[in-house]
Amino acid sequence: MRTQESGEDYLEAILLLYRKQGYVRSTDIANAMNYTKASISRAVRILKDADYIYLDPNKMIFLTEKGEAKALEIYERHQVIAEYLEKVVGVDPETADQDACHMEHILSDQTFDGIKRLLKEAKEA
């Protein structure tokens, strides 16, 4: 199943929140992403139905194996693209981060692999 851009953003946010604080609640996602609790509730239901997350009895949110794999993929894409834009293209860090947030969802695997290769070559030069 191909996740929507917003679903990928939620998965990435859950991954980063869990790494930062060791737990994730719906309110944490709402605060981090500046979304309403209703939006988060809908997204949580969709992600749960797609087997990307599960909730424990205390309503804590956890990534499933499938969800973690997808979140790590999106996070890697974000990091690599942001670094490429900053170090190779010369974009300021804030703009690189914002642009990477959009680009991570639309680039083909072939284009992303090319960016990774060019970034590696630039680091080795």
Foldseek 3Di string as FASTA:
>chain_A
DQDDLVLLVLLLQQVVVCVVPVWAALVSSCVVVVHDSVVSVVSVVVCVVVQQWDADPVRIIDGDPVNNVSNVLLVVQLVLQLCLCCPVVNDDNVVSNVVSSVVSRPDDPVVSVVSNVVSVVSVVD
